[in-house]
Amino acid sequence: MPRCEQVPPAVDTPVDGVISRMRALDAALHPRDGVAVFNRVYLAVTEVVDRYVDTGRFADPHAAITLDVRFAERYLEAVAAAAGERRPPACWRPLFQFRRHPWVRPLQFALAGINAHIGHDLALAVVDTCRTLGCAPADLEDEFDAVGDLLVSLEERIREDLMPGPDLLQIADPLTHLLGSWSLDRARDAAWTAARALWVLRELPDVAEEFTEHLDAAAGLAGRMLLTPLQR
């Protein structure tokens, strides 16, 4: 398959610009805010993407940048919608609803954000990128896999930084069961399948819209389960 056409997108935000917006958000939010918890870990992985671009780690840096930015913009737009009292996508609503709940743990906030971003935003970001670059999802598979690998490292970092120690996290702790109910690898595979399906459905906008709504609702339901309040 040919690589994506190397045509600059009509509207493109550099990764540095996305990082600046995330840093501003981090400075504005209380550290315990559930959105701030997710924003910190997402900022960390976006900074890694930026370093990878600078050091030539991506085979097609323009495609990688475009995918990364389109992906991040969907999260930032959801934050802006909530701040402006507009209705964000269903996948993000549980995080905004429970962001200050005292019985929801930081690890839950982080995973709920990842669930929303991968379970809904990633597939749409792939389609956005294909439209911008004039290519098909198959042409982005390498970049998708590379970004996906970074997200796996993000999840590992979250679990290392936010997981309670073994003396606190017992087998009977409800958090143990919540962590076992969601898999980033499965979510990433589903996002790739959804992106390919949406690309095929682009000639059927009504069907594509219905498919997207179901994708959004399913991610929202999973997010609500991940944010089940747990008494300490």
C-alpha atoms as a PDB file:
ATOM      1  CA  MET A   1       0.000   0.000   0.000  1.00  0.00           C
ATOM      2  CA  PRO A   2       1.311   3.503  -0.760  1.00  0.00           C
ATOM      3  CA  ARG A   3       2.228   5.745   2.122  1.00  0.00           C
ATOM      4  CA  CYS A   4       0.076   8.745   2.923  1.00  0.00           C
ATOM      5  CA  GLU A   5       0.432  11.590   0.481  1.00  0.00           C
ATOM      6  CA  GLN A   6       2.962  14.056   1.836  1.00  0.00           C
ATOM      7  CA  VAL A   7       0.640  17.020   1.494  1.00  0.00           C
ATOM      8  CA  PRO A   8       0.543  19.441   4.442  1.00  0.00           C
ATOM      9  CA  PRO A   9      -2.896  19.383   6.097  1.00  0.00           C
ATOM     10  CA  ALA A  10      -5.172  22.348   5.642  1.00  0.00           C
ATOM     11  CA  VAL A  11      -5.210  22.929   9.393  1.00  0.00           C
ATOM     12  CA  ASP A  12      -2.401  21.525  11.507  1.00  0.00           C
ATOM     13  CA  THR A  13      -1.438  22.152  15.112  1.00  0.00           C
ATOM     14  CA  PRO A  14       2.168  21.205  16.015  1.00  0.00           C
ATOM     15  CA  VAL A  15       2.642  18.719  18.817  1.00  0.00           C
ATOM     16  CA  ASP A  16       4.357  21.537  20.738  1.00  0.00           C
ATOM     17  CA  GLY A  17       1.111  23.496  20.583  1.00  0.00           C
ATOM     18  CA  VAL A  18      -0.862  20.564  21.995  1.00  0.00           C
ATOM     19  CA  ILE A  19       1.697  20.157  24.776  1.00  0.00           C
ATOM     20  CA  SER A  20       1.396  23.852  25.648  1.00  0.00           C
ATOM     21  CA  ARG A  21      -2.380  23.528  25.945  1.00  0.00           C
ATOM     22  CA  MET A  22      -2.061  20.466  28.179  1.00  0.00           C
ATOM     23  CA  ARG A  23       0.496  22.227  30.385  1.00  0.00           C
ATOM     24  CA  ALA A  24      -1.814  25.226  30.730  1.00  0.00           C
ATOM     25  CA  LEU A  25      -4.640  22.899  31.702  1.00  0.00           C
ATOM     26  CA  ASP A  26      -2.425  21.171  34.257  1.00  0.00           C
ATOM     27  CA  ALA A  27      -1.551  24.536  35.819  1.00  0.00           C
ATOM     28  CA  ALA A  28      -5.210  25.560  35.996  1.00  0.00           C
ATOM     29  CA  LEU A  29      -6.627  22.417  37.610  1.00  0.00           C
ATOM     30  CA  HIS A  30      -6.425  21.193  41.191  1.00  0.00           C
ATOM     31  CA  PRO A  31      -3.998  18.238  41.283  1.00  0.00           C
ATOM     32  CA  ARG A  32      -6.675  15.923  42.712  1.00  0.00           C
ATOM     33  CA  ASP A  33      -9.195  16.814  39.995  1.00  0.00           C
ATOM     34  CA  GLY A  34      -9.917  13.675  37.975  1.00  0.00           C
ATOM     35  CA  VAL A  35      -9.319  15.497  34.693  1.00  0.00           C
ATOM     36  CA  ALA A  36      -5.977  16.753  36.010  1.00  0.00           C
ATOM     37  CA  VAL A  37      -4.962  13.175  36.880  1.00  0.00           C
ATOM     38  CA  PHE A  38      -5.597  11.990  33.326  1.00  0.00           C
ATOM     39  CA  ASN A  39      -4.128  15.155  31.805  1.00  0.00           C
ATOM     40  CA  ARG A  40      -0.798  14.644  33.587  1.00  0.00           C
ATOM     41  CA  VAL A  41      -0.274  11.145  32.279  1.00  0.00           C
ATOM     42  CA  TYR A  42      -1.480  12.060  28.778  1.00  0.00           C
ATOM     43  CA  LEU A  43       0.866  15.044  28.763  1.00  0.00           C
ATOM     44  CA  ALA A  44       3.732  12.693  29.601  1.00  0.00           C
ATOM     45  CA  VAL A  45       3.061  10.411  26.649  1.00  0.00           C
ATOM     46  CA  THR A  46       2.563  13.379  24.274  1.00  0.00           C
ATOM     47  CA  GLU A  47       5.962  14.704  25.318  1.00  0.00           C
ATOM     48  CA  VAL A  48       7.421  11.305  24.418  1.00  0.00           C
ATOM     49  CA  VAL A  49       5.789  11.507  20.976  1.00  0.00           C
ATOM     50  CA  ASP A  50       7.367  14.930  20.521  1.00  0.00           C
ATOM     51  CA  ARG A  51      10.800  13.543  21.411  1.00  0.00           C
ATOM     52  CA  TYR A  52      10.291  10.615  19.035  1.00  0.00           C
ATOM     53  CA  VAL A  53       9.508  13.043  16.228  1.00  0.00           C
ATOM     54  CA  ASP A  54      12.615  15.112  17.008  1.00  0.00           C
ATOM     55  CA  THR A  55      14.854  12.036  17.023  1.00  0.00           C
ATOM     56  CA  GLY A  56      13.422  10.455  13.870  1.00  0.00           C
ATOM     57  CA  ARG A  57      11.807   7.461  15.575  1.00  0.00           C
ATOM     58  CA  PHE A  58       8.774   7.533  13.248  1.00  0.00           C
ATOM     59  CA  ALA A  59       9.067   6.227   9.680  1.00  0.00           C
ATOM     60  CA  ASP A  60       6.572   8.868   8.527  1.00  0.00           C
ATOM     61  CA  PRO A  61       6.841  11.767  11.008  1.00  0.00           C
ATOM     62  CA  HIS A  62       4.255  13.917   9.227  1.00  0.00           C
ATOM     63  CA  ALA A  63       1.639  11.174   9.487  1.00  0.00           C
ATOM     64  CA  ALA A  64       2.588  10.485  13.121  1.00  0.00           C
ATOM     65  CA  ILE A  65       2.324  14.172  14.033  1.00  0.00           C
ATOM     66  CA  THR A  66      -1.028  14.522  12.314  1.00  0.00           C
ATOM     67  CA  LEU A  67      -2.460  11.454  14.026  1.00  0.00           C
ATOM     68  CA  ASP A  68      -1.142  12.531  17.417  1.00  0.00           C
ATOM     69  CA  VAL A  69      -2.550  16.040  17.078  1.00  0.00           C
ATOM     70  CA  ARG A  70      -5.942  14.948  15.738  1.00  0.00           C
ATOM     71  CA  PHE A  71      -6.125  12.471  18.609  1.00  0.00           C
ATOM     72  CA  ALA A  72      -5.242  15.048  21.282  1.00  0.00           C
ATOM     73  CA  GLU A  73      -7.602  17.642  19.841  1.00  0.00           C
ATOM     74  CA  ARG A  74     -10.590  15.397  20.533  1.00  0.00           C
ATOM     75  CA  TYR A  75      -9.687  15.239  24.223  1.00  0.00           C
ATOM     76  CA  LEU A  76      -9.017  18.976  24.432  1.00  0.00           C
ATOM     77  CA  GLU A  77     -12.311  19.746  22.708  1.00  0.00           C
ATOM     78  CA  ALA A  78     -14.150  17.576  25.248  1.00  0.00           C
ATOM     79  CA  VAL A  79     -12.498  19.548  28.064  1.00  0.00           C
ATOM     80  CA  ALA A  80     -13.433  22.835  26.388  1.00  0.00           C
ATOM     81  CA  ALA A  81     -17.013  21.659  25.931  1.00  0.00           C
ATOM     82  CA  ALA A  82     -17.344  20.797  29.624  1.00  0.00           C
ATOM     83  CA  ALA A  83     -15.763  24.100  30.661  1.00  0.00           C
ATOM     84  CA  GLY A  84     -18.125  25.995  28.373  1.00  0.00           C
ATOM     85  CA  GLU A  85     -21.176  24.151  29.693  1.00  0.00           C
ATOM     86  CA  ARG A  86     -21.595  22.404  26.372  1.00  0.00           C
ATOM     87  CA  ARG A  87     -22.280  18.685  26.175  1.00  0.00           C
ATOM     88  CA  PRO A  88     -19.103  16.616  25.679  1.00  0.00           C
ATOM     89  CA  PRO A  89     -19.203  13.188  24.029  1.00  0.00           C
ATOM     90  CA  ALA A  90     -20.807  10.467  26.150  1.00  0.00           C
ATOM     91  CA  CYS A  91     -17.457   8.723  26.587  1.00  0.00           C
ATOM     92  CA  TRP A  92     -16.088  11.703  28.536  1.00  0.00           C
ATOM     93  CA  ARG A  93     -19.149  12.549  30.633  1.00  0.00           C
ATOM     94  CA  PRO A  94     -18.452  10.111  33.504  1.00  0.00           C
ATOM     95  CA  LEU A  95     -14.997  11.632  34.056  1.00  0.00           C
ATOM     96  CA  PHE A  96     -16.405  15.160  34.171  1.00  0.00           C
ATOM     97  CA  GLN A  97     -19.282  14.059  36.390  1.00  0.00           C
ATOM     98  CA  PHE A  98     -17.113  12.252  38.959  1.00  0.00           C
ATOM     99  CA  ARG A  99     -13.928  14.328  38.666  1.00  0.00           C
ATOM    100  CA  ARG A 100     -14.206  15.608  42.277  1.00  0.00           C
ATOM    101  CA  HIS A 101     -15.762  12.553  43.905  1.00  0.00           C
ATOM    102  CA  PRO A 102     -13.838  11.787  47.123  1.00  0.00           C
ATOM    103  CA  TRP A 103     -14.323   8.017  46.805  1.00  0.00           C
ATOM    104  CA  VAL A 104     -12.940   7.696  43.269  1.00  0.00           C
ATOM    105  CA  ARG A 105      -9.225   6.937  43.299  1.00  0.00           C
ATOM    106  CA  PRO A 106      -6.628   8.583  41.020  1.00  0.00           C
ATOM    107  CA  LEU A 107      -5.966   5.322  39.184  1.00  0.00           C
ATOM    108  CA  GLN A 108      -9.664   5.115  38.278  1.00  0.00           C
ATOM    109  CA  PHE A 109      -9.636   8.657  36.864  1.00  0.00           C
ATOM    110  CA  ALA A 110      -6.590   7.886  34.756  1.00  0.00           C
ATOM    111  CA  LEU A 111      -7.984   4.652  33.328  1.00  0.00           C
ATOM    112  CA  ALA A 112     -11.400   6.216  32.681  1.00  0.00           C
ATOM    113  CA  GLY A 113      -9.692   8.918  30.622  1.00  0.00           C
ATOM    114  CA  ILE A 114      -7.715   6.351  28.659  1.00  0.00           C
ATOM    115  CA  ASN A 115     -10.899   4.354  28.073  1.00  0.00           C
ATOM    116  CA  ALA A 116     -12.723   7.396  26.667  1.00  0.00           C
ATOM    117  CA  HIS A 117      -9.796   8.451  24.529  1.00  0.00           C
ATOM    118  CA  ILE A 118      -9.090   5.038  23.037  1.00  0.00           C
ATOM    119  CA  GLY A 119     -12.610   3.614  23.068  1.00  0.00           C
ATOM    120  CA  HIS A 120     -14.041   6.524  21.098  1.00  0.00           C
ATOM    121  CA  ASP A 121     -11.548   9.234  20.117  1.00  0.00           C
ATOM    122  CA  LEU A 122      -8.818   7.074  18.588  1.00  0.00           C
ATOM    123  CA  ALA A 123     -10.937   5.588  15.802  1.00  0.00           C
ATOM    124  CA  LEU A 124     -12.277   9.031  14.869  1.00  0.00           C
ATOM    125  CA  ALA A 125      -8.771  10.499  14.968  1.00  0.00           C
ATOM    126  CA  VAL A 126      -7.589   7.867  12.476  1.00  0.00           C
ATOM    127  CA  VAL A 127     -10.420   8.830  10.121  1.00  0.00           C
ATOM    128  CA  ASP A 128      -9.669  12.541  10.639  1.00  0.00           C
ATOM    129  CA  THR A 129      -6.026  11.899   9.780  1.00  0.00           C
ATOM    130  CA  CYS A 130      -6.875   9.896   6.672  1.00  0.00           C
ATOM    131  CA  ARG A 131      -9.080  12.693   5.403  1.00  0.00           C
ATOM    132  CA  THR A 132      -6.374  15.265   6.110  1.00  0.00           C
ATOM    133  CA  LEU A 133      -3.567  13.315   4.468  1.00  0.00           C
ATOM    134  CA  GLY A 134      -5.555  11.752   1.626  1.00  0.00           C
ATOM    135  CA  CYS A 135      -4.828   8.148   2.604  1.00  0.00           C
ATOM    136  CA  ALA A 136      -6.591   5.053   3.938  1.00  0.00           C
ATOM    137  CA  PRO A 137      -6.312   3.581   7.447  1.00  0.00           C
ATOM    138  CA  ALA A 138      -4.022   0.800   6.184  1.00  0.00           C
ATOM    139  CA  ASP A 139      -1.468   3.484   5.284  1.00  0.00           C
ATOM    140  CA  LEU A 140      -1.420   4.634   8.909  1.00  0.00           C
ATOM    141  CA  GLU A 141      -1.029   1.235  10.524  1.00  0.00           C
ATOM    142  CA  ASP A 142       2.633   1.728  11.444  1.00  0.00           C
ATOM    143  CA  GLU A 143       1.904   5.100  13.064  1.00  0.00           C
ATOM    144  CA  PHE A 144      -1.161   3.674  14.801  1.00  0.00           C
ATOM    145  CA  ASP A 145       0.914   0.822  16.231  1.00  0.00           C
ATOM    146  CA  ALA A 146       3.673   3.184  17.348  1.00  0.00           C
ATOM    147  CA  VAL A 147       1.249   5.502  19.134  1.00  0.00           C
ATOM    148  CA  GLY A 148      -0.523   2.444  20.563  1.00  0.00           C
ATOM    149  CA  ASP A 149       2.755   1.141  21.979  1.00  0.00           C
ATOM    150  CA  LEU A 150       3.266   4.482  23.693  1.00  0.00           C
ATOM    151  CA  LEU A 151      -0.217   4.240  25.169  1.00  0.00           C
ATOM    152  CA  VAL A 152       0.635   0.806  26.560  1.00  0.00           C
ATOM    153  CA  SER A 153       3.677   2.351  28.226  1.00  0.00           C
ATOM    154  CA  LEU A 154       1.370   5.074  29.518  1.00  0.00           C
ATOM    155  CA  GLU A 155      -0.866   2.493  31.156  1.00  0.00           C
ATOM    156  CA  GLU A 156       2.164   0.799  32.690  1.00  0.00           C
ATOM    157  CA  ARG A 157       3.368   4.140  34.045  1.00  0.00           C
ATOM    158  CA  ILE A 158      -0.069   4.862  35.490  1.00  0.00           C
ATOM    159  CA  ARG A 159      -0.182   1.544  37.288  1.00  0.00           C
ATOM    160  CA  GLU A 160       3.327   2.067  38.673  1.00  0.00           C
ATOM    161  CA  ASP A 161       2.679   5.647  39.819  1.00  0.00           C
ATOM    162  CA  LEU A 162      -0.919   5.391  41.011  1.00  0.00           C
ATOM    163  CA  MET A 163      -1.393   1.797  42.073  1.00  0.00           C
ATOM    164  CA  PRO A 164      -1.579   1.406  45.865  1.00  0.00           C
ATOM    165  CA  GLY A 165       1.232  -0.625  47.364  1.00  0.00           C
ATOM    166  CA  PRO A 166       0.792  -4.369  47.935  1.00  0.00           C
ATOM    167  CA  ASP A 167       0.091  -3.750  51.604  1.00  0.00           C
ATOM    168  CA  LEU A 168      -2.914  -1.613  50.651  1.00  0.00           C
ATOM    169  CA  LEU A 169      -4.239  -3.396  47.590  1.00  0.00           C
ATOM    170  CA  GLN A 170      -5.578  -6.703  48.796  1.00  0.00           C
ATOM    171  CA  ILE A 171      -7.318  -9.294  46.660  1.00  0.00           C
ATOM    172  CA  ALA A 172     -10.625  -8.285  48.229  1.00  0.00           C
ATOM    173  CA  ASP A 173     -10.145  -4.615  47.340  1.00  0.00           C
ATOM    174  CA  PRO A 174     -12.842  -3.667  44.767  1.00  0.00           C
ATOM    175  CA  LEU A 175     -10.183  -1.770  42.798  1.00  0.00           C
ATOM    176  CA  THR A 176      -8.551  -5.112  42.006  1.00  0.00           C
ATOM    177  CA  HIS A 177     -11.718  -6.241  40.247  1.00  0.00           C
ATOM    178  CA  LEU A 178     -12.156  -2.962  38.387  1.00  0.00           C
ATOM    179  CA  LEU A 179      -8.622  -3.163  37.029  1.00  0.00           C
ATOM    180  CA  GLY A 180      -9.310  -6.638  35.723  1.00  0.00           C
ATOM    181  CA  SER A 181     -12.440  -5.537  33.876  1.00  0.00           C
ATOM    182  CA  TRP A 182     -10.717  -3.388  31.235  1.00  0.00           C
ATOM    183  CA  SER A 183      -7.813  -4.034  28.871  1.00  0.00           C
ATOM    184  CA  LEU A 184      -5.912  -1.395  26.909  1.00  0.00           C
ATOM    185  CA  ASP A 185      -4.773  -3.951  24.342  1.00  0.00           C
ATOM    186  CA  ARG A 186      -8.352  -5.031  23.640  1.00  0.00           C
ATOM    187  CA  ALA A 187      -9.476  -1.404  23.485  1.00  0.00           C
ATOM    188  CA  ARG A 188      -6.713  -0.570  21.014  1.00  0.00           C
ATOM    189  CA  ASP A 189      -7.597  -3.516  18.781  1.00  0.00           C
ATOM    190  CA  ALA A 190     -11.260  -2.494  18.860  1.00  0.00           C
ATOM    191  CA  ALA A 191     -10.322   1.093  17.968  1.00  0.00           C
ATOM    192  CA  TRP A 192      -8.429  -0.084  14.881  1.00  0.00           C
ATOM    193  CA  THR A 193     -11.382  -2.216  13.774  1.00  0.00           C
ATOM    194  CA  ALA A 194     -13.746   0.711  14.365  1.00  0.00           C
ATOM    195  CA  ALA A 195     -11.528   3.078  12.365  1.00  0.00           C
ATOM    196  CA  ARG A 196     -11.490   0.703   9.389  1.00  0.00           C
ATOM    197  CA  ALA A 197     -15.272   0.278   9.613  1.00  0.00           C
ATOM    198  CA  LEU A 198     -15.857   4.040   9.769  1.00  0.00           C
ATOM    199  CA  TRP A 199     -13.635   4.534   6.748  1.00  0.00           C
ATOM    200  CA  VAL A 200     -15.695   2.042   4.750  1.00  0.00           C
ATOM    201  CA  LEU A 201     -18.892   3.705   6.009  1.00  0.00           C
ATOM    202  CA  ARG A 202     -17.832   7.230   4.995  1.00  0.00           C
ATOM    203  CA  GLU A 203     -20.031   6.944   1.901  1.00  0.00           C
ATOM    204  CA  LEU A 204     -22.993   6.148   4.174  1.00  0.00           C
ATOM    205  CA  PRO A 205     -23.047   9.118   6.569  1.00  0.00           C
ATOM    206  CA  ASP A 206     -26.246   8.114   8.366  1.00  0.00           C
ATOM    207  CA  VAL A 207     -24.897   4.656   9.126  1.00  0.00           C
ATOM    208  CA  ALA A 208     -21.503   6.097  10.093  1.00  0.00           C
ATOM    209  CA  GLU A 209     -23.167   8.517  12.504  1.00  0.00           C
ATOM    210  CA  GLU A 210     -25.178   5.739  14.121  1.00  0.00           C
ATOM    211  CA  PHE A 211     -22.053   3.574  14.414  1.00  0.00           C
ATOM    212  CA  THR A 212     -20.171   6.472  16.052  1.00  0.00           C
ATOM    213  CA  GLU A 213     -22.990   7.097  18.526  1.00  0.00           C
ATOM    214  CA  HIS A 214     -22.932   3.450  19.607  1.00  0.00           C
ATOM    215  CA  LEU A 215     -19.135   3.593  19.935  1.00  0.00           C
ATOM    216  CA  ASP A 216     -19.443   6.688  22.107  1.00  0.00           C
ATOM    217  CA  ALA A 217     -22.175   5.195  24.292  1.00  0.00           C
ATOM    218  CA  ALA A 218     -20.256   1.948  24.838  1.00  0.00           C
ATOM    219  CA  ALA A 219     -17.122   3.833  25.907  1.00  0.00           C
ATOM    220  CA  GLY A 220     -19.248   5.982  28.214  1.00  0.00           C
ATOM    221  CA  LEU A 221     -20.730   2.916  29.877  1.00  0.00           C
ATOM    222  CA  ALA A 222     -17.295   1.379  30.430  1.00  0.00           C
ATOM    223  CA  GLY A 223     -16.041   4.681  31.836  1.00  0.00           C
ATOM    224  CA  ARG A 224     -18.925   4.869  34.279  1.00  0.00           C
ATOM    225  CA  MET A 225     -18.076   1.381  35.541  1.00  0.00           C
ATOM    226  CA  LEU A 226     -14.395   2.276  35.937  1.00  0.00           C
ATOM    227  CA  LEU A 227     -15.402   5.274  38.063  1.00  0.00           C
ATOM    228  CA  THR A 228     -17.475   3.303  40.556  1.00  0.00           C
ATOM    229  CA  PRO A 229     -16.910   5.109  43.895  1.00  0.00           C
ATOM    230  CA  LEU A 230     -14.915   2.967  46.319  1.00  0.00           C
ATOM    231  CA  GLN A 231     -14.880   3.748  50.022  1.00  0.00           C
ATOM    232  CA  ARG A 232     -11.391   3.801  51.407  1.00  0.00           C
END
